[in-house]
Amino acid sequence: MKNFFNNIKKYPLIIFFGIFLYVLSIADLFSPQYEFSDLENRYLSKFPAFSLKTLINNEYTPKVEDFTEDHFIKRNSWISLKSISETVLGKGENNGIVYGKDGYLFTKTLNSDFTQRVKNAGALASFIEYNDNFNISIMIAPTAPSVMTDKVKDGSPVNNAAAVIGQVSELAGSENVVDVTETLKSHSDEYIYYLTDHHWTTLGAYYAYADYMQSIGRNPQSLDSFEFVEVKDFLGTHYSKSKNFNVETDTMSYIKNDSQIDILGTKDSIYDYSKLETRDKYAMFLRGNNAYSTIKGNGEGKILVIKDSYANCFVPFLTEDFAQIDVLDMRFYMQNVTMLMEEQQYDQVLVLYNSETFDTDIYVPRLVMYNK
């Protein structure tokens, strides 16, 4: 035993790191556990319930690993340190975020499994076929890497919106797809995508809105008819994940709009201005992501928008064109969509998802879960 300790003393770094890891593990056991991360704007993993079945199926251990990663002591500080070290080493990504040029941050996308994309495109095809008496349009909004191509470093693993839109067009019919890619590319020298967030800006959403209105045979409102309000020092979802130490803050904008939104019988402003004082400023649009909400507009006819969060800054533009704008988020809406459409007799239906979300969203098939 004496020889053992004498030999160990020859390796002080091993001793130091051993003690460090031991102390860190003990501290981690007693560190507070949170349900939600304000910085990352997501719910954190919960410790899984043990069962022999989940252990045998290799479902238990990965969930434990997810829990450990989400609740590791001083996790945000470690992510920041990792960002600094990987930048110094010349690496082009951190924590699932790819570094682009001129301060742009993109979602890392590994093109290895398109199973969910095919399921979602097939669900849209079935949805259109089942509701062929309605005017249904699909807009798969390209994310920044497919539009701001000059900001993407060579070989970066990012989303290919053209492939997603092509798959949807093939299965759901190109005549039903509103592809805004070329329009957005023609404005790529403008501020149409955030540097630190995965969303398009309100200006980018306007150009998509104009394309959509023209696609249904109606004239869009002119850009100068809207008053844009700027909000400084916006740091979005990509920054939250990467904690890039030399990040440049964004300026978020919204259009002035006095419309009221009805969420489960509660009417309020279409914008939740209190969110402008928080980290997640984008949550001001439509007062966040709600299962079903209704907006009274100043135009004519009814439209249903089935969406992800890309539509949140898009929908306010529609209030000057339609008398009623209903909004569904399939992550939270569990009822029969076709029944709602038949009750309301919408003049137009728009399905709007961004290309990254559409590739992975497991809730799109809910559109047809009541179909016979």
Protein backbone atom coordinates (compact mmCIF):
# COMPACT_ATOMS: atom_id res chain seq x y z
CA MET A 1 0.00 0.00 0.00
CA LYS A 2 2.87 2.34 0.85
CA ASN A 3 4.42 1.71 -2.58
CA PHE A 4 1.07 2.43 -4.18
CA PHE A 5 0.85 5.90 -2.63
CA ASN A 6 4.48 6.60 -3.43
CA ASN A 7 3.82 5.74 -7.08
CA ILE A 8 0.66 7.87 -7.20
CA LYS A 9 2.62 10.90 -5.93
CA LYS A 10 4.63 10.77 -9.12
CA TYR A 11 1.52 11.81 -11.07
CA PRO A 12 0.20 15.01 -9.43
CA LEU A 13 -1.99 15.90 -12.41
CA ILE A 14 -3.84 12.59 -12.14
CA ILE A 15 -4.35 13.22 -8.42
CA PHE A 16 -5.58 16.77 -9.08
CA PHE A 17 -8.07 15.78 -11.77
CA GLY A 18 -9.25 12.80 -9.75
CA ILE A 19 -10.03 15.00 -6.77
CA PHE A 20 -11.56 17.65 -9.05
CA LEU A 21 -13.91 15.16 -10.70
CA TYR A 22 -14.84 13.65 -7.36
CA VAL A 23 -15.70 17.04 -5.83
CA LEU A 24 -17.57 18.05 -8.97
CA SER A 25 -19.64 14.86 -8.88
CA ILE A 26 -20.56 15.42 -5.24
CA ALA A 27 -21.45 19.06 -5.89
CA ASP A 28 -23.55 18.03 -8.87
CA LEU A 29 -25.67 15.77 -6.64
CA PHE A 30 -26.62 18.74 -4.47
CA SER A 31 -26.98 21.38 -7.19
CA PRO A 32 -30.50 22.75 -7.79
CA GLN A 33 -32.57 21.15 -10.54
CA TYR A 34 -34.68 23.31 -12.83
CA GLU A 35 -37.62 22.38 -15.02
CA PHE A 36 -37.08 25.12 -17.60
CA SER A 37 -34.05 26.86 -19.06
CA ASP A 38 -34.73 30.55 -19.68
CA LEU A 39 -31.48 30.85 -21.59
CA GLU A 40 -32.25 27.99 -24.00
CA ASN A 41 -36.02 28.58 -23.93
CA ARG A 42 -36.83 24.89 -23.46
CA TYR A 43 -37.91 22.40 -20.82
CA LEU A 44 -35.06 20.39 -19.37
CA SER A 45 -35.03 16.60 -19.25
CA LYS A 46 -36.58 14.93 -16.24
CA PHE A 47 -35.05 11.95 -14.46
CA PRO A 48 -36.68 8.88 -16.07
CA ALA A 49 -38.68 6.31 -14.17
CA PHE A 50 -36.84 3.00 -14.08
CA SER A 51 -38.27 -0.16 -15.57
CA LEU A 52 -36.64 -3.39 -16.68
CA LYS A 53 -38.25 -3.01 -20.11
CA THR A 54 -36.74 0.43 -20.80
CA LEU A 55 -33.36 -0.78 -19.57
CA ILE A 56 -33.38 -3.82 -21.86
CA ASN A 57 -34.55 -1.71 -24.83
CA ASN A 58 -31.73 0.78 -24.19
CA GLU A 59 -34.25 3.56 -23.56
CA TYR A 60 -33.43 4.19 -19.90
CA THR A 61 -29.68 4.92 -20.05
CA PRO A 62 -29.90 7.56 -22.85
CA LYS A 63 -32.58 9.40 -20.87
CA VAL A 64 -30.36 9.38 -17.79
CA GLU A 65 -27.56 10.82 -19.91
CA ASP A 66 -29.90 13.56 -21.21
CA PHE A 67 -30.90 14.38 -17.63
CA THR A 68 -27.26 14.53 -16.52
CA GLU A 69 -26.31 16.81 -19.41
CA ASP A 70 -29.24 19.17 -18.74
CA HIS A 71 -28.62 19.45 -15.00
CA PHE A 72 -24.83 19.42 -14.83
CA ILE A 73 -23.60 21.97 -12.31
CA LYS A 74 -22.80 25.38 -13.86
CA ARG A 75 -23.82 24.02 -17.26
CA ASN A 76 -24.09 27.43 -18.95
CA SER A 77 -20.61 28.39 -17.78
CA TRP A 78 -19.16 25.17 -19.19
CA ILE A 79 -20.87 25.83 -22.54
CA SER A 80 -19.32 29.33 -22.61
CA LEU A 81 -15.88 27.92 -21.77
CA LYS A 82 -16.28 25.28 -24.49
CA SER A 83 -17.23 28.00 -26.98
CA ILE A 84 -14.09 29.99 -26.20
CA SER A 85 -11.79 26.97 -26.34
CA GLU A 86 -13.23 25.67 -29.63
CA THR A 87 -12.98 29.13 -31.21
CA VAL A 88 -9.34 29.34 -30.16
CA LEU A 89 -8.76 25.89 -31.65
CA GLY A 90 -10.38 27.01 -34.90
CA LYS A 91 -13.43 24.75 -34.67
CA GLY A 92 -16.56 25.88 -36.49
CA GLU A 93 -19.33 24.78 -34.15
CA ASN A 94 -20.42 24.44 -30.53
CA ASN A 95 -23.31 22.59 -28.89
CA GLY A 96 -25.18 21.94 -32.14
CA ILE A 97 -24.65 25.42 -33.59
CA VAL A 98 -22.49 26.06 -36.66
CA TYR A 99 -20.52 29.29 -36.96
CA GLY A 100 -21.12 31.14 -40.23
CA LYS A 101 -19.52 34.25 -41.64
CA ASP A 102 -20.09 37.82 -40.40
CA GLY A 103 -21.54 36.69 -37.07
CA TYR A 104 -24.27 34.36 -38.41
CA LEU A 105 -25.08 31.25 -36.38
CA PHE A 106 -26.85 28.25 -37.95
CA THR A 107 -28.42 25.03 -36.72
CA LYS A 108 -26.21 21.99 -37.23
CA THR A 109 -28.08 19.47 -39.38
CA LEU A 110 -26.95 15.91 -40.01
CA ASN A 111 -28.61 14.65 -43.19
CA SER A 112 -28.79 11.01 -42.20
CA ASP A 113 -32.47 10.20 -41.69
CA PHE A 114 -35.38 11.70 -43.61
CA THR A 115 -38.04 9.37 -42.19
CA GLN A 116 -39.94 12.14 -40.40
CA ARG A 117 -39.77 14.42 -43.43
CA VAL A 118 -41.42 11.74 -45.58
CA LYS A 119 -44.08 11.13 -42.91
CA ASN A 120 -44.84 14.83 -42.68
CA ALA A 121 -44.96 15.36 -46.44
CA GLY A 122 -47.24 12.32 -46.77
CA ALA A 123 -49.50 13.71 -44.05
CA LEU A 124 -49.80 17.00 -45.95
CA ALA A 125 -50.66 15.10 -49.12
CA SER A 126 -53.40 13.18 -47.29
CA PHE A 127 -54.63 16.37 -45.64
CA ILE A 128 -55.03 18.13 -48.99
CA GLU A 129 -56.69 15.12 -50.63
CA TYR A 130 -59.12 14.64 -47.73
CA ASN A 131 -60.05 18.36 -47.75
CA ASP A 132 -60.10 18.94 -51.49
CA ASN A 133 -63.02 21.36 -51.17
CA PHE A 134 -60.74 23.90 -49.42
CA ASN A 135 -58.03 26.18 -50.81
CA ILE A 136 -54.95 24.83 -49.06
CA SER A 137 -51.46 26.25 -49.55
CA ILE A 138 -48.18 25.00 -48.12
CA MET A 139 -45.24 27.24 -47.38
CA ILE A 140 -42.02 25.59 -46.22
CA ALA A 141 -39.97 28.63 -45.28
CA PRO A 142 -36.28 28.20 -46.04
CA THR A 143 -34.03 28.85 -43.06
CA ALA A 144 -31.07 31.21 -43.28
CA PRO A 145 -28.41 28.79 -44.68
CA SER A 146 -30.47 28.17 -47.83
CA VAL A 147 -30.92 31.88 -48.51
CA MET A 148 -27.86 33.59 -47.01
CA THR A 149 -25.61 31.12 -48.80
CA ASP A 150 -22.65 33.51 -48.84
CA LYS A 151 -22.66 33.43 -45.02
CA VAL A 152 -22.24 29.63 -44.86
CA LYS A 153 -18.71 28.30 -44.61
CA ASP A 154 -17.75 25.53 -47.04
CA GLY A 155 -18.70 22.07 -45.83
CA SER A 156 -20.92 23.26 -42.98
CA PRO A 157 -23.58 20.70 -41.99
CA VAL A 158 -26.69 22.86 -42.39
CA ASN A 159 -30.26 22.40 -43.56
CA ASN A 160 -30.99 22.10 -47.29
CA ALA A 161 -34.37 23.76 -47.73
CA ALA A 162 -34.53 22.96 -51.45
CA ALA A 163 -34.50 19.23 -50.66
CA VAL A 164 -37.28 19.64 -48.10
CA ILE A 165 -39.45 21.75 -50.40
CA GLY A 166 -38.80 19.32 -53.24
CA GLN A 167 -40.00 16.36 -51.17
CA VAL A 168 -43.15 18.22 -50.12
CA SER A 169 -43.83 19.29 -53.72
CA GLU A 170 -43.41 15.72 -54.93
CA LEU A 171 -45.81 14.19 -52.42
CA ALA A 172 -48.29 17.01 -51.78
CA GLY A 173 -48.27 18.56 -55.27
CA SER A 174 -46.17 21.49 -56.45
CA GLU A 175 -49.36 23.40 -57.32
CA ASN A 176 -50.10 23.59 -53.58
CA VAL A 177 -46.63 24.80 -52.55
CA VAL A 178 -45.67 28.47 -52.25
CA ASP A 179 -41.88 28.50 -52.56
CA VAL A 180 -40.53 31.85 -51.31
CA THR A 181 -36.86 30.90 -51.62
CA GLU A 182 -36.04 32.94 -54.72
CA THR A 183 -37.89 35.98 -53.40
CA LEU A 184 -35.92 35.86 -50.17
CA LYS A 185 -32.67 35.34 -52.07
CA SER A 186 -33.39 38.49 -54.07
CA HIS A 187 -33.42 40.36 -50.75
CA SER A 188 -30.47 38.55 -49.17
CA ASP A 189 -28.54 41.82 -48.88
CA GLU A 190 -31.23 43.03 -46.46
CA TYR A 191 -31.77 42.13 -42.80
CA ILE A 192 -34.16 39.21 -43.39
CA TYR A 193 -32.70 36.65 -40.95
CA TYR A 194 -31.37 37.09 -37.43
CA LEU A 195 -27.71 36.44 -36.71
CA THR A 196 -28.30 34.74 -33.35
CA ASP A 197 -31.77 33.22 -33.82
CA HIS A 198 -33.27 30.53 -36.06
CA HIS A 199 -36.21 32.71 -37.19
CA TRP A 200 -36.51 35.07 -40.11
CA THR A 201 -36.92 38.73 -39.22
CA THR A 202 -40.22 40.55 -39.57
CA LEU A 203 -38.90 42.05 -42.81
CA GLY A 204 -38.17 38.56 -44.13
CA ALA A 205 -41.67 37.48 -43.11
CA TYR A 206 -43.12 40.43 -45.06
CA TYR A 207 -41.56 39.28 -48.33
CA ALA A 208 -42.99 35.79 -47.76
CA TYR A 209 -46.39 37.31 -46.94
CA ALA A 210 -46.34 39.29 -50.19
CA ASP A 211 -45.57 36.13 -52.17
CA TYR A 212 -48.37 34.25 -50.45
CA MET A 213 -50.98 36.93 -51.12
CA GLN A 214 -50.05 37.02 -54.80
CA SER A 215 -50.24 33.21 -54.97
CA ILE A 216 -53.91 33.31 -53.93
CA GLY A 217 -54.72 36.09 -56.39
CA ARG A 218 -54.81 38.99 -53.94
CA ASN A 219 -52.70 42.13 -53.72
CA PRO A 220 -50.47 42.35 -50.62
CA GLN A 221 -50.24 45.50 -48.54
CA SER A 222 -47.24 47.60 -49.52
CA LEU A 223 -44.17 47.49 -47.31
CA ASP A 224 -44.31 51.22 -46.60
CA SER A 225 -47.87 50.89 -45.28
CA PHE A 226 -46.49 49.17 -42.18
CA GLU A 227 -44.67 50.94 -39.36
CA PHE A 228 -41.77 48.88 -38.01
CA VAL A 229 -40.70 49.21 -34.38
CA GLU A 230 -37.16 48.16 -33.44
CA VAL A 231 -36.06 46.42 -30.25
CA LYS A 232 -32.32 46.42 -29.55
CA ASP A 233 -30.10 43.78 -27.92
CA PHE A 234 -31.91 40.64 -29.00
CA LEU A 235 -30.06 37.35 -28.46
CA GLY A 236 -31.87 34.36 -29.92
CA THR A 237 -31.99 30.59 -29.71
CA HIS A 238 -28.71 29.98 -31.53
CA TYR A 239 -26.82 32.12 -29.05
CA SER A 240 -28.57 30.37 -26.17
CA LYS A 241 -27.20 27.04 -27.35
CA SER A 242 -23.72 28.10 -28.43
CA LYS A 243 -23.02 30.88 -25.89
CA ASN A 244 -20.66 32.35 -28.50
CA PHE A 245 -18.43 34.69 -26.49
CA ASN A 246 -17.91 37.25 -29.30
CA VAL A 247 -21.51 37.37 -30.50
CA GLU A 248 -23.09 40.44 -32.08
CA THR A 249 -26.58 41.21 -30.78
CA ASP A 250 -29.57 41.43 -33.11
CA THR A 251 -32.22 44.11 -33.50
CA MET A 252 -35.68 42.57 -33.42
CA SER A 253 -38.58 44.38 -35.08
CA TYR A 254 -42.35 44.17 -35.18
CA ILE A 255 -45.06 46.07 -37.04
CA LYS A 256 -47.47 48.27 -35.15
CA ASN A 257 -50.73 46.38 -34.89
CA ASP A 258 -53.76 47.06 -32.69
CA SER A 259 -55.51 43.75 -33.37
CA GLN A 260 -56.86 41.62 -30.55
CA ILE A 261 -56.15 37.92 -30.18
CA ASP A 262 -58.57 35.52 -28.50
CA ILE A 263 -56.91 32.60 -26.73
CA LEU A 264 -59.34 30.22 -25.01
CA GLY A 265 -61.86 33.03 -24.55
CA THR A 266 -59.35 35.55 -23.21
CA LYS A 267 -58.87 38.58 -25.45
CA ASP A 268 -55.73 40.66 -25.39
CA SER A 269 -53.28 42.49 -27.63
CA ILE A 270 -51.80 40.46 -30.48
CA TYR A 271 -48.40 41.21 -28.92
CA ASP A 272 -47.24 40.39 -25.40
CA TYR A 273 -45.12 43.48 -24.81
CA SER A 274 -43.92 42.18 -21.44
CA LYS A 275 -41.75 39.66 -23.32
CA LEU A 276 -39.62 42.53 -24.61
CA GLU A 277 -38.18 42.80 -21.10
CA THR A 278 -37.13 39.12 -21.09
CA ARG A 279 -34.49 37.10 -22.88
CA ASP A 280 -37.05 35.42 -25.17
CA LYS A 281 -38.24 38.58 -26.90
CA TYR A 282 -39.58 36.68 -29.93
CA ALA A 283 -42.30 35.21 -27.66
CA MET A 284 -44.09 38.56 -27.89
CA PHE A 285 -45.53 37.60 -31.30
CA LEU A 286 -49.05 36.12 -31.00
CA ARG A 287 -48.36 35.86 -27.25
CA GLY A 288 -46.28 32.74 -27.80
CA ASN A 289 -47.23 29.35 -29.24
CA ASN A 290 -50.85 28.49 -28.44
CA ALA A 291 -52.97 25.52 -29.47
CA TYR A 292 -55.76 27.59 -31.01
CA SER A 293 -56.23 31.34 -31.22
CA THR A 294 -58.44 33.72 -33.19
CA ILE A 295 -57.62 37.21 -34.45
CA LYS A 296 -60.15 39.69 -35.78
CA GLY A 297 -58.79 41.57 -38.78
CA ASN A 298 -59.80 44.50 -40.97
CA GLY A 299 -60.09 42.68 -44.30
CA GLU A 300 -62.44 40.17 -45.89
CA GLY A 301 -62.87 36.42 -45.53
CA LYS A 302 -61.42 33.84 -43.17
CA ILE A 303 -58.03 32.16 -43.14
CA LEU A 304 -56.66 29.29 -41.06
CA VAL A 305 -52.90 29.24 -40.45
CA ILE A 306 -51.42 25.91 -39.30
CA LYS A 307 -47.92 26.69 -38.20
CA ASP A 308 -44.71 26.58 -36.25
CA SER A 309 -43.16 29.68 -34.67
CA TYR A 310 -41.98 31.05 -38.04
CA ALA A 311 -45.58 32.18 -38.61
CA ASN A 312 -45.73 34.18 -35.40
CA CYS A 313 -44.25 37.33 -36.95
CA PHE A 314 -45.91 36.54 -40.32
CA VAL A 315 -49.54 36.45 -39.13
CA PRO A 316 -49.81 40.14 -38.09
CA PHE A 317 -49.44 41.13 -41.77
CA LEU A 318 -52.64 39.19 -42.57
CA THR A 319 -54.82 41.35 -40.31
CA GLU A 320 -55.25 43.97 -43.02
CA ASP A 321 -56.39 41.38 -45.56
CA PHE A 322 -58.75 39.03 -43.68
CA ALA A 323 -61.65 39.55 -41.32
CA GLN A 324 -60.72 36.49 -39.26
CA ILE A 325 -57.37 34.76 -38.84
CA ASP A 326 -57.40 31.48 -36.89
CA VAL A 327 -54.08 29.97 -35.85
CA LEU A 328 -53.32 26.34 -34.95
CA ASP A 329 -50.15 24.87 -33.49
CA MET A 330 -50.27 21.09 -33.92
CA ARG A 331 -47.86 20.56 -31.03
CA PHE A 332 -50.72 21.50 -28.72
CA TYR A 333 -53.92 21.15 -30.78
CA MET A 334 -55.42 17.68 -30.34
CA GLN A 335 -58.82 18.07 -31.98
CA ASN A 336 -60.15 17.31 -35.45
CA VAL A 337 -58.76 19.94 -37.84
CA THR A 338 -61.11 19.00 -40.67
CA MET A 339 -64.12 19.43 -38.39
CA LEU A 340 -62.90 22.92 -37.45
CA MET A 341 -62.46 23.80 -41.12
CA GLU A 342 -65.96 22.63 -41.97
CA GLU A 343 -67.45 24.57 -39.05
CA GLN A 344 -65.66 27.80 -39.93
CA GLN A 345 -65.71 27.45 -43.73
CA TYR A 346 -62.36 29.14 -44.27
CA ASP A 347 -61.69 30.86 -47.57
CA GLN A 348 -57.99 29.99 -47.33
CA VAL A 349 -55.84 27.53 -45.37
CA LEU A 350 -52.09 28.06 -45.05
CA VAL A 351 -49.70 25.47 -43.64
CA LEU A 352 -46.48 27.31 -42.71
CA TYR A 353 -43.41 25.55 -41.28
CA ASN A 354 -39.72 26.31 -41.57
CA SER A 355 -37.60 23.72 -43.38
CA GLU A 356 -35.63 22.67 -40.28
CA THR A 357 -38.68 22.11 -38.09
CA PHE A 358 -40.54 20.27 -40.85
CA ASP A 359 -37.74 17.70 -41.05
CA THR A 360 -38.12 16.73 -37.38
CA ASP A 361 -41.59 17.76 -36.17
CA ILE A 362 -43.50 14.67 -35.01
CA TYR A 363 -46.83 16.48 -34.70
CA VAL A 364 -47.58 17.31 -38.36
CA PRO A 365 -49.34 13.91 -38.85
CA ARG A 366 -51.96 15.03 -36.32
CA LEU A 367 -53.53 16.89 -39.22
CA VAL A 368 -54.92 13.58 -40.49
CA MET A 369 -55.22 11.50 -37.33
CA TYR A 370 -59.05 11.71 -37.45
CA ASN A 371 -59.31 10.91 -41.15
CA LYS A 372 -61.16 7.70 -41.99
